[in-house]
Amino acid sequence: MESTSHRFPENARAALTNEALQSALGKLETGFVVNRATAAGRLPEFEALRDQARDIKNHTLAHLDYYLEAFEAKVIENGGHVHWASTAAEARQIILDICRTVDAKTVTKGKSMIAEEIALNDYLAENGVEPIETDLGEYIIQLRDEPPSHIIAPAVHVIKEQVAEAFHVAHTHLDPNRSLEEPRELLEEARAVLRQKFLDADVGITGANFLIAETGTSVIVTNEGNGDLTQILPKIHIALASLEKVTPTLEDTTSLLRVLARSATGQEFSSYTTFSTGPRRDDDVDGPSEYHVVLLDNGRSGMLGSEFQDMLRCIRCGACMNHCPVYGVVGGHAYGWVYPGPMGAVLTPTLLGVEEAGHLPNASTFCGRCESVCPVRIPLPNLMRQYRKREFERKLVPASTRAGLGLWAFFARRPALYRVATEIMGLMLRVMGGKRGRIGWLPAARGWTAHRDMPAPTGRTFQAQWAARRAVRPQSSKDASRRTKL
């Protein structure tokens, strides 16, 4: 997938004027956010589980080489194969070579962000192998020839009428006058079309939510069952995953699963949690004849030991973007690459470079909602702040922004002057707000006021309120001391 992250401002402006997209994004607040809060509230130990999940991931990253080697040894012991890929190109070639061993004409695919990262679909198609997405959301966007806009709900940006239009265009063998007005009709049509695809595929490719070092097992989490059919029906199953997906034990994996679904969709567990260990054995009723795991680095090892190592804890739940006010109004495509939202604002510049993706860490209000809901407690605002610092140091920030920061620093170093300036500015803004207390246009904040009014400040400045509180604090302390003695 070609990156357009460098065009984030233009992408965001286009998204803000896209009425269909704005309608679709309303699902985030009414769906994901409410469901996650409800699920977390039903589990008294949820916050303790988040701490445990963070500690499991930290321990694994500190001993990543050991657990990866242990995982490889177990996969081989179980009759499978492990392939190591340093780059996206190596991973693509490994997968194509495996497909060619059975002269594969079609492959079915479960949802995989890593496959998107390495642009696997295009590569397979260019080399005579047809990839077929089997996750309903992924299937929809494949028909629409566009990338996913969310890591767990790839078609969250698409409304029902657009899905029906895509089905009418693609499924020309069906009655052109059929009804596709109800979601159930869309679902049944997709199921009927994909059923034969599952049966015909020579190779099945999935991602992996976790790789268990203790048993050599890959784990996928789905709500449709398509991942299971992708794994067990073809001759070959290929699990594609990045290095940090390894976990030490089954017990550790279970702990992570308890926070994953609750954070992602508000479920206690996803409908299907599938553990795959090696190829089909003699007494198995189904399963692939060959089991391959492709482990991708593609820049991850460079994050180990750096200030961005915490990002490798990510378990791809999507909670950060579900709660992000910026993602909530521009959607995933504005971010210009595979990973959107706050997690993408850290991961994309790490993998592609701050020169390409320097806009993304700035696409944040730093409200902290992303960190507050992350199941493994990744300090996302702090990581984005590190990239803002790098961007500033390399003079990638526009001159006007650098000048503005320089002006602010001038006043910030002179507290008395800062207080006077903020009082004058506050008075001016209150006058501009008028009786409504809202400012419809402000030259220095056109990006804000073009889409919403800016609230005019009310009351005293923070510095004035702080000074007033400090003035009464000594008397309060004396009163408290007197009460203690009595």
Protein backbone atom coordinates (compact mmCIF):
# COMPACT_ATOMS: atom_id res chain seq x y z
CA MET A 1 0.00 0.00 0.00
CA GLU A 2 1.47 3.32 -1.07
CA SER A 3 1.58 5.86 1.71
CA THR A 4 -0.13 9.25 1.50
CA SER A 5 0.62 10.10 5.13
CA HIS A 6 2.54 13.17 3.99
CA ARG A 7 -0.77 14.48 2.65
CA PHE A 8 -2.67 14.15 5.93
CA PRO A 9 -3.87 17.81 6.03
CA GLU A 10 -5.38 17.48 2.54
CA ASN A 11 -6.79 14.03 3.33
CA ALA A 12 -8.39 15.34 6.52
CA ARG A 13 -10.00 18.31 4.78
CA ALA A 14 -11.54 15.99 2.19
CA ALA A 15 -12.84 13.69 4.94
CA LEU A 16 -14.52 16.54 6.80
CA THR A 17 -16.62 17.39 3.73
CA ASN A 18 -17.55 13.76 2.92
CA GLU A 19 -21.16 13.44 4.09
CA ALA A 20 -21.34 9.65 3.73
CA LEU A 21 -18.16 9.24 5.77
CA GLN A 22 -19.38 11.58 8.50
CA SER A 23 -22.60 9.59 8.74
CA ALA A 24 -20.71 6.29 9.00
CA LEU A 25 -18.31 7.57 11.68
CA GLY A 26 -21.24 8.14 14.00
CA LYS A 27 -21.13 4.40 14.73
CA LEU A 28 -17.99 4.82 16.81
CA GLU A 29 -19.51 6.71 19.74
CA THR A 30 -22.78 4.78 19.80
CA GLY A 31 -21.15 1.39 19.28
CA PHE A 32 -17.53 0.76 20.18
CA VAL A 33 -17.20 3.38 22.93
CA VAL A 34 -20.36 2.48 24.83
CA ASN A 35 -19.79 -1.26 24.46
CA ARG A 36 -16.22 -1.06 25.74
CA ALA A 37 -17.25 0.95 28.81
CA THR A 38 -20.06 -1.50 29.57
CA ALA A 39 -17.84 -4.55 29.22
CA ALA A 40 -15.09 -3.06 31.39
CA GLY A 41 -17.61 -2.03 34.03
CA ARG A 42 -18.90 -5.59 34.32
CA LEU A 43 -15.44 -6.92 35.23
CA PRO A 44 -14.21 -5.68 38.63
CA GLU A 45 -10.64 -6.78 37.96
CA PHE A 46 -10.41 -5.13 34.53
CA GLU A 47 -7.84 -2.49 35.57
CA ALA A 48 -5.71 -5.16 37.25
CA LEU A 49 -5.90 -7.21 34.05
CA ARG A 50 -4.60 -4.23 32.09
CA ASP A 51 -1.61 -4.06 34.40
CA GLN A 52 -1.05 -7.77 33.97
CA ALA A 53 -1.32 -7.51 30.17
CA ARG A 54 1.23 -4.68 30.13
CA ASP A 55 3.64 -6.69 32.29
CA ILE A 56 3.30 -9.80 30.11
CA LYS A 57 4.13 -7.82 27.00
CA ASN A 58 7.03 -6.02 28.68
CA HIS A 59 8.50 -9.31 29.87
CA THR A 60 8.16 -10.84 26.42
CA LEU A 61 9.82 -7.89 24.69
CA ALA A 62 12.69 -8.02 27.18
CA HIS A 63 13.30 -11.67 26.19
CA LEU A 64 11.97 -11.59 22.62
CA ASP A 65 14.81 -13.59 21.07
CA TYR A 66 14.32 -16.41 23.56
CA TYR A 67 10.56 -16.71 23.02
CA LEU A 68 10.81 -16.47 19.23
CA GLU A 69 13.33 -19.30 19.15
CA ALA A 70 11.19 -21.34 21.52
CA PHE A 71 8.17 -20.75 19.28
CA GLU A 72 10.09 -21.84 16.18
CA ALA A 73 11.31 -25.01 17.88
CA LYS A 74 7.77 -25.98 18.89
CA VAL A 75 6.34 -25.31 15.42
CA ILE A 76 8.98 -27.56 13.86
CA GLU A 77 8.41 -30.21 16.52
CA ASN A 78 4.71 -30.18 15.60
CA GLY A 79 5.46 -30.66 11.89
CA GLY A 80 5.19 -27.04 10.78
CA HIS A 81 7.60 -24.60 9.13
CA VAL A 82 8.82 -21.17 10.25
CA HIS A 83 10.09 -18.57 7.79
CA TRP A 84 11.92 -15.39 8.87
CA ALA A 85 11.45 -12.23 6.81
CA SER A 86 13.47 -9.08 7.47
CA THR A 87 11.54 -6.96 4.97
CA ALA A 88 8.15 -6.78 3.31
CA ALA A 89 9.70 -7.92 0.01
CA GLU A 90 11.12 -11.04 1.64
CA ALA A 91 7.77 -11.89 3.25
CA ARG A 92 5.92 -11.50 -0.07
CA GLN A 93 8.40 -13.73 -1.89
CA ILE A 94 8.25 -16.42 0.82
CA ILE A 95 4.46 -16.56 0.59
CA LEU A 96 4.46 -16.64 -3.22
CA ASP A 97 7.02 -19.47 -3.21
CA ILE A 98 4.81 -21.49 -0.84
CA CYS A 99 1.79 -20.91 -3.09
CA ARG A 100 3.74 -22.10 -6.12
CA THR A 101 4.53 -25.45 -4.47
CA VAL A 102 0.89 -26.41 -5.00
CA ASP A 103 0.41 -24.36 -8.20
CA ALA A 104 -2.14 -22.21 -6.35
CA LYS A 105 -4.57 -20.24 -8.48
CA THR A 106 -6.58 -18.73 -5.63
CA VAL A 107 -5.94 -18.07 -1.95
CA THR A 108 -8.47 -17.18 0.71
CA LYS A 109 -7.41 -14.63 3.29
CA GLY A 110 -8.48 -13.80 6.81
CA LYS A 111 -8.16 -10.21 7.97
CA SER A 112 -4.50 -9.29 8.46
CA MET A 113 -3.00 -5.84 8.94
CA ILE A 114 0.45 -7.29 8.28
CA ALA A 115 -0.75 -8.46 4.84
CA GLU A 116 -1.85 -4.88 4.20
CA GLU A 117 1.51 -3.60 5.43
CA ILE A 118 3.43 -5.70 2.92
CA ALA A 119 0.91 -5.10 0.08
CA LEU A 120 0.43 -8.84 -0.29
CA ASN A 121 -2.77 -8.83 -2.35
CA ASP A 122 -1.34 -6.75 -5.17
CA TYR A 123 1.83 -8.85 -5.25
CA LEU A 124 -0.04 -12.14 -5.45
CA ALA A 125 -2.36 -10.84 -8.16
CA GLU A 126 0.61 -9.57 -10.20
CA ASN A 127 2.06 -13.09 -10.05
CA GLY A 128 -1.04 -14.99 -11.14
CA VAL A 129 -2.55 -15.85 -7.74
CA GLU A 130 -5.98 -14.42 -6.98
CA PRO A 131 -6.39 -13.30 -3.33
CA ILE A 132 -9.92 -13.42 -1.94
CA GLU A 133 -10.72 -11.58 1.28
CA THR A 134 -13.17 -13.57 3.40
CA ASP A 135 -13.80 -11.20 6.31
CA LEU A 136 -17.01 -9.40 5.33
CA GLY A 137 -15.58 -5.94 5.90
CA GLU A 138 -12.40 -6.78 4.01
CA TYR A 139 -14.43 -8.34 1.20
CA ILE A 140 -16.47 -5.15 0.87
CA ILE A 141 -13.44 -2.89 0.60
CA GLN A 142 -11.73 -5.32 -1.78
CA LEU A 143 -14.72 -4.96 -4.11
CA ARG A 144 -14.49 -1.18 -3.70
CA ASP A 145 -10.74 -1.28 -4.41
CA GLU A 146 -9.76 0.65 -1.30
CA PRO A 147 -7.74 -0.02 1.86
CA PRO A 148 -9.23 -0.65 5.31
CA SER A 149 -10.03 2.40 7.42
CA HIS A 150 -10.03 0.64 10.81
CA ILE A 151 -7.95 -2.27 12.07
CA ILE A 152 -10.89 -4.33 13.38
CA ALA A 153 -13.78 -2.88 11.37
CA PRO A 154 -12.18 -2.25 7.96
CA ALA A 155 -15.41 -1.07 6.32
CA VAL A 156 -16.64 1.15 9.16
CA HIS A 157 -16.53 4.09 6.74
CA VAL A 158 -18.97 2.45 4.30
CA ILE A 159 -22.73 2.89 4.58
CA LYS A 160 -25.28 0.21 3.65
CA GLU A 161 -26.21 1.75 0.29
CA GLN A 162 -22.57 1.77 -0.81
CA VAL A 163 -22.24 -1.92 0.07
CA ALA A 164 -25.29 -2.73 -2.03
CA GLU A 165 -23.84 -0.76 -4.94
CA ALA A 166 -20.55 -2.69 -4.74
CA PHE A 167 -22.40 -6.04 -4.67
CA HIS A 168 -24.48 -5.12 -7.72
CA VAL A 169 -21.33 -4.20 -9.65
CA ALA A 170 -19.34 -7.30 -8.63
CA HIS A 171 -21.96 -10.05 -8.51
CA THR A 172 -23.16 -9.82 -12.11
CA HIS A 173 -24.20 -13.50 -12.17
CA LEU A 174 -27.08 -12.74 -9.79
CA ASP A 175 -30.48 -11.21 -10.52
CA PRO A 176 -29.90 -7.50 -11.12
CA ASN A 177 -33.36 -6.74 -9.69
CA ARG A 178 -32.76 -8.52 -6.37
CA SER A 179 -33.32 -6.62 -3.16
CA LEU A 180 -30.26 -5.55 -1.18
CA GLU A 181 -31.93 -3.07 1.14
CA GLU A 182 -31.59 -5.00 4.38
CA PRO A 183 -28.31 -5.91 6.12
CA ARG A 184 -29.44 -9.55 6.29
CA GLU A 185 -29.77 -9.65 2.49
CA LEU A 186 -26.27 -8.28 2.06
CA LEU A 187 -24.87 -10.80 4.52
CA GLU A 188 -26.58 -13.78 2.89
CA GLU A 189 -25.38 -12.77 -0.56
CA ALA A 190 -21.78 -12.42 0.61
CA ARG A 191 -21.97 -15.79 2.35
CA ALA A 192 -23.32 -17.50 -0.77
CA VAL A 193 -20.67 -15.99 -3.04
CA LEU A 194 -17.79 -16.77 -0.70
CA ARG A 195 -18.83 -20.35 0.07
CA GLN A 196 -17.45 -21.74 -3.18
CA LYS A 197 -14.33 -19.61 -2.84
CA PHE A 198 -13.52 -21.37 0.43
CA LEU A 199 -13.89 -24.77 -1.22
CA ASP A 200 -11.79 -23.88 -4.28
CA ALA A 201 -8.84 -22.21 -2.56
CA ASP A 202 -5.48 -23.99 -2.63
CA VAL A 203 -3.92 -21.90 0.16
CA GLY A 204 -5.37 -20.08 3.15
CA ILE A 205 -3.59 -17.06 4.64
CA THR A 206 -4.39 -15.60 8.03
CA GLY A 207 -2.78 -13.20 10.41
CA ALA A 208 -2.19 -14.07 14.04
CA ASN A 209 -3.29 -12.18 17.11
CA PHE A 210 -0.85 -14.20 19.21
CA LEU A 211 1.90 -16.79 18.72
CA ILE A 212 2.36 -19.03 21.77
CA ALA A 213 5.98 -19.99 22.42
CA GLU A 214 5.03 -22.76 24.86
CA THR A 215 3.08 -24.75 22.26
CA GLY A 216 4.00 -23.38 18.81
CA THR A 217 0.40 -22.25 18.34
CA SER A 218 -1.01 -19.36 16.30
CA VAL A 219 -4.20 -17.74 17.58
CA ILE A 220 -6.78 -15.77 15.59
CA VAL A 221 -9.77 -13.89 16.94
CA THR A 222 -12.82 -13.35 14.70
CA ASN A 223 -16.56 -12.86 14.87
CA GLU A 224 -17.49 -14.49 11.56
CA GLY A 225 -15.82 -17.90 11.44
CA ASN A 226 -14.21 -17.07 8.11
CA GLY A 227 -10.78 -17.44 9.67
CA ASP A 228 -11.49 -21.06 10.59
CA LEU A 229 -12.59 -21.93 7.05
CA THR A 230 -9.52 -20.17 5.69
CA GLN A 231 -7.29 -22.33 7.89
CA ILE A 232 -8.82 -25.79 7.71
CA LEU A 233 -10.12 -26.18 4.12
CA PRO A 234 -7.09 -25.47 1.88
CA LYS A 235 -4.06 -27.71 1.49
CA ILE A 236 -1.78 -25.14 3.08
CA HIS A 237 -2.29 -22.70 5.94
CA ILE A 238 0.08 -19.71 6.14
CA ALA A 239 0.03 -17.62 9.32
CA LEU A 240 1.61 -14.20 8.74
CA ALA A 241 2.62 -12.25 11.85
CA SER A 242 5.12 -9.68 13.09
CA LEU A 243 7.75 -10.57 15.68
CA GLU A 244 6.09 -8.94 18.69
CA LYS A 245 2.99 -11.17 18.46
CA VAL A 246 4.74 -13.95 20.41
CA THR A 247 3.57 -14.67 23.98
CA PRO A 248 5.25 -17.00 26.49
CA THR A 249 2.45 -19.39 27.55
CA LEU A 250 -1.17 -20.38 27.08
CA GLU A 251 -2.00 -18.77 30.41
CA ASP A 252 -0.41 -15.48 29.34
CA THR A 253 -2.36 -15.57 26.09
CA THR A 254 -5.61 -16.12 27.98
CA SER A 255 -4.91 -13.04 30.11
CA LEU A 256 -4.37 -10.96 26.98
CA LEU A 257 -7.53 -12.34 25.39
CA ARG A 258 -9.56 -11.18 28.40
CA VAL A 259 -8.68 -7.54 27.69
CA LEU A 260 -8.60 -7.79 23.88
CA ALA A 261 -12.26 -8.39 23.05
CA ARG A 262 -13.54 -6.13 25.81
CA SER A 263 -11.37 -3.29 24.53
CA ALA A 264 -12.10 -3.92 20.86
CA THR A 265 -15.81 -4.64 20.57
CA GLY A 266 -17.12 -4.75 24.14
CA GLN A 267 -17.46 -8.54 24.07
CA GLU A 268 -16.25 -10.80 26.86
CA PHE A 269 -14.73 -12.98 24.15
CA SER A 270 -15.01 -12.86 20.39
CA SER A 271 -17.34 -15.38 18.77
CA TYR A 272 -14.39 -17.44 17.47
CA THR A 273 -11.01 -17.74 19.19
CA THR A 274 -9.08 -20.35 17.23
CA PHE A 275 -5.83 -22.07 18.25
CA SER A 276 -3.88 -23.73 15.42
CA THR A 277 -0.94 -26.02 16.19
CA GLY A 278 0.79 -27.60 13.21
CA PRO A 279 -0.64 -29.40 10.16
CA ARG A 280 -3.42 -32.00 10.19
CA ARG A 281 -2.57 -35.18 12.11
CA ASP A 282 -3.65 -38.68 11.12
CA ASP A 283 -6.63 -38.69 13.47
CA ASP A 284 -7.80 -35.12 12.67
CA VAL A 285 -11.05 -34.82 10.71
CA ASP A 286 -9.90 -31.68 8.90
CA GLY A 287 -7.06 -29.22 8.63
CA PRO A 288 -4.26 -28.31 6.22
CA SER A 289 -1.57 -30.71 5.06
CA GLU A 290 1.06 -28.02 5.61
CA TYR A 291 1.35 -25.31 8.28
CA HIS A 292 3.67 -22.35 7.70
CA VAL A 293 4.38 -19.32 9.89
CA VAL A 294 5.98 -16.25 8.31
CA LEU A 295 7.57 -13.97 10.92
CA LEU A 296 8.04 -10.40 9.74
CA ASP A 297 10.46 -7.86 11.19
CA ASN A 298 10.12 -4.88 8.83
CA GLY A 299 11.54 -2.42 11.36
CA ARG A 300 10.30 -3.93 14.62
CA SER A 301 13.71 -5.02 15.86
CA GLY A 302 14.89 -1.43 15.52
CA MET A 303 12.22 -0.37 18.01
CA LEU A 304 13.56 -2.67 20.72
CA GLY A 305 15.47 -0.73 23.33
CA SER A 306 14.35 2.60 21.88
CA GLU A 307 11.96 5.17 23.32
CA PHE A 308 9.30 3.62 21.07
CA GLN A 309 9.53 0.05 22.37
CA ASP A 310 6.27 0.50 24.29
CA MET A 311 4.47 0.59 20.93
CA LEU A 312 5.37 -3.07 20.44
CA ARG A 313 2.98 -3.93 23.27
CA CYS A 314 0.03 -3.12 20.98
CA ILE A 315 -2.46 -6.00 20.59
CA ARG A 316 -4.41 -4.31 17.76
CA CYS A 317 -7.73 -3.84 19.58
CA GLY A 318 -8.52 -0.47 17.97
CA ALA A 319 -9.71 1.10 21.23
CA CYS A 320 -7.40 4.10 20.81
CA MET A 321 -8.95 5.09 17.49
CA ASN A 322 -12.50 4.36 18.68
CA HIS A 323 -12.05 6.97 21.42
CA CYS A 324 -9.92 9.47 19.49
CA PRO A 325 -11.76 12.73 18.65
CA VAL A 326 -9.53 13.26 15.61
CA TYR A 327 -10.08 9.79 14.15
CA GLY A 328 -13.77 10.22 14.92
CA VAL A 329 -14.12 13.09 12.44
CA VAL A 330 -11.63 12.17 9.70
CA GLY A 331 -11.70 8.34 9.68
CA GLY A 332 -8.86 6.01 8.86
CA HIS A 333 -8.09 6.80 5.22
CA ALA A 334 -6.96 10.31 6.11
CA TYR A 335 -3.94 8.82 7.90
CA GLY A 336 -2.70 7.60 4.54
CA TRP A 337 -1.34 4.15 5.36
CA VAL A 338 -2.18 0.85 7.02
CA TYR A 339 -2.38 1.96 10.65
CA PRO A 340 -4.72 4.85 11.52
CA GLY A 341 -5.57 6.68 14.71
CA PRO A 342 -3.25 7.22 17.69
CA MET A 343 -1.49 3.86 17.29
CA GLY A 344 -0.84 4.70 13.65
CA ALA A 345 0.41 8.14 14.63
CA VAL A 346 3.27 6.35 16.41
CA LEU A 347 3.74 3.19 14.34
CA THR A 348 3.63 4.79 10.88
CA PRO A 349 6.47 7.30 11.42
CA THR A 350 8.43 4.50 13.12
CA LEU A 351 8.13 2.22 10.10
CA LEU A 352 8.10 4.81 7.29
CA GLY A 353 10.05 7.68 8.83
CA VAL A 354 9.07 11.00 10.35
CA GLU A 355 9.76 12.74 7.03
CA GLU A 356 6.89 10.76 5.45
CA ALA A 357 4.50 10.62 8.39
CA GLY A 358 5.41 13.61 10.53
CA HIS A 359 1.89 15.04 10.27
CA LEU A 360 0.34 12.10 12.11
CA PRO A 361 1.75 12.73 15.63
CA ASN A 362 0.38 16.26 15.28
CA ALA A 363 -3.12 14.92 14.54
CA SER A 364 -3.91 14.69 18.22
CA THR A 365 -5.50 16.89 20.87
CA PHE A 366 -3.44 15.08 23.55
CA CYS A 367 -6.67 14.61 25.48
CA GLY A 368 -5.30 11.28 26.71
CA ARG A 369 -8.35 9.17 25.91
CA CYS A 370 -6.25 6.77 23.83
CA GLU A 371 -3.91 5.99 26.72
CA SER A 372 -6.77 5.78 29.21
CA VAL A 373 -8.44 2.94 27.28
CA CYS A 374 -5.38 1.07 25.95
CA PRO A 375 -5.55 -2.50 27.33
CA VAL A 376 -1.76 -2.69 27.61
CA ARG A 377 -1.31 0.91 28.81
CA ILE A 378 0.81 2.25 25.95
CA PRO A 379 1.66 5.92 26.69
CA LEU A 380 0.56 7.05 23.24
CA PRO A 381 0.52 10.84 23.87
CA ASN A 382 4.09 10.72 25.18
CA LEU A 383 5.25 8.68 22.16
CA MET A 384 3.60 11.15 19.80
CA ARG A 385 5.28 13.95 21.71
CA GLN A 386 8.66 12.33 21.03
CA TYR A 387 7.96 12.47 17.31
CA ARG A 388 6.84 16.08 17.53
CA LYS A 389 10.19 16.81 19.16
CA ARG A 390 12.07 15.01 16.38
CA GLU A 391 10.08 16.82 13.73
CA PHE A 392 10.88 20.18 15.32
CA GLU A 393 14.59 19.36 15.71
CA ARG A 394 14.86 18.37 12.04
CA LYS A 395 13.11 21.58 11.00
CA LEU A 396 10.31 19.63 9.32
CA VAL A 397 7.75 21.86 11.05
CA PRO A 398 6.54 24.80 8.87
CA ALA A 399 8.33 28.08 9.50
CA SER A 400 5.10 29.72 10.67
CA THR A 401 4.62 27.05 13.32
CA ARG A 402 8.22 27.35 14.48
CA ALA A 403 7.81 31.12 14.70
CA GLY A 404 4.63 30.72 16.72
CA LEU A 405 6.32 28.35 19.16
CA GLY A 406 9.23 30.75 19.42
CA LEU A 407 6.86 33.59 20.28
CA TRP A 408 5.13 31.46 22.92
CA ALA A 409 8.53 30.50 24.40
CA PHE A 410 9.48 34.19 24.62
CA PHE A 411 6.44 34.91 26.80
CA ALA A 412 6.66 31.64 28.76
CA ARG A 413 10.17 32.55 29.95
CA ARG A 414 8.84 35.86 31.30
CA PRO A 415 5.97 35.02 33.70
CA ALA A 416 4.96 38.61 34.44
CA LEU A 417 4.72 39.47 30.75
CA TYR A 418 2.91 36.15 30.09
CA ARG A 419 0.24 37.00 32.70
CA VAL A 420 -0.38 40.44 31.21
CA ALA A 421 -0.54 39.03 27.65
CA THR A 422 -3.00 36.26 28.55
CA GLU A 423 -5.26 38.69 30.41
CA ILE A 424 -5.35 41.02 27.41
CA MET A 425 -5.95 38.13 25.00
CA GLY A 426 -8.70 36.69 27.21
CA LEU A 427 -10.46 40.07 27.31
CA MET A 428 -10.27 40.40 23.53
CA LEU A 429 -11.68 36.89 23.01
CA ARG A 430 -14.55 37.54 25.42
CA VAL A 431 -15.45 40.67 23.47
CA MET A 432 -15.32 38.71 20.20
CA GLY A 433 -17.57 36.04 21.70
CA GLY A 434 -20.29 38.57 22.45
CA LYS A 435 -23.49 37.50 24.16
CA ARG A 436 -23.35 34.01 22.61
CA GLY A 437 -19.96 33.31 24.13
CA ARG A 438 -18.92 31.65 20.85
CA ILE A 439 -16.41 32.78 18.24
CA GLY A 440 -17.37 31.89 14.68
CA TRP A 441 -14.15 32.98 13.01
CA LEU A 442 -10.64 33.49 14.33
CA PRO A 443 -7.65 34.19 12.06
CA ALA A 444 -5.18 32.25 14.19
CA ALA A 445 -7.51 29.24 14.49
CA ARG A 446 -9.12 28.93 11.07
CA GLY A 447 -8.66 25.16 11.10
CA TRP A 448 -10.91 25.01 14.14
CA THR A 449 -13.49 27.68 13.34
CA ALA A 450 -14.01 26.46 9.77
CA HIS A 451 -15.96 23.49 11.17
CA ARG A 452 -17.10 24.58 14.64
CA ASP A 453 -17.40 27.65 16.84
CA MET A 454 -14.67 28.29 19.36
CA PRO A 455 -15.90 28.86 22.93
CA ALA A 456 -14.93 32.28 24.25
CA PRO A 457 -13.00 32.14 27.54
CA THR A 458 -14.93 32.94 30.70
CA GLY A 459 -13.81 34.00 34.17
CA ARG A 460 -10.24 34.62 35.26
CA THR A 461 -7.12 33.11 33.73
CA PHE A 462 -5.58 29.99 35.22
CA GLN A 463 -2.69 32.02 36.66
CA ALA A 464 -5.09 34.40 38.38
CA GLN A 465 -7.14 31.54 39.85
CA TRP A 466 -3.97 29.79 41.03
CA ALA A 467 -2.69 32.95 42.71
CA ALA A 468 -6.04 33.41 44.47
CA ARG A 469 -5.98 29.86 45.81
CA ARG A 470 -2.42 30.25 47.07
CA ALA A 471 -3.44 33.42 48.88
CA VAL A 472 -6.03 31.58 51.02
CA ARG A 473 -4.03 28.37 51.52
CA PRO A 474 -1.98 29.47 54.61
CA GLN A 475 -5.15 30.30 56.56
CA SER A 476 -6.68 26.95 55.59
CA SER A 477 -3.52 25.16 56.76
CA LYS A 478 -3.69 26.92 60.14
CA ASP A 479 -7.34 25.95 60.54
CA ALA A 480 -6.57 22.34 59.70
CA SER A 481 -3.69 22.29 62.21
CA ARG A 482 -5.93 23.77 64.91
CA ARG A 483 -8.63 21.13 64.26
CA THR A 484 -6.02 18.36 64.45
CA LYS A 485 -4.83 19.56 67.87
CA LEU A 486 -8.39 19.74 69.20
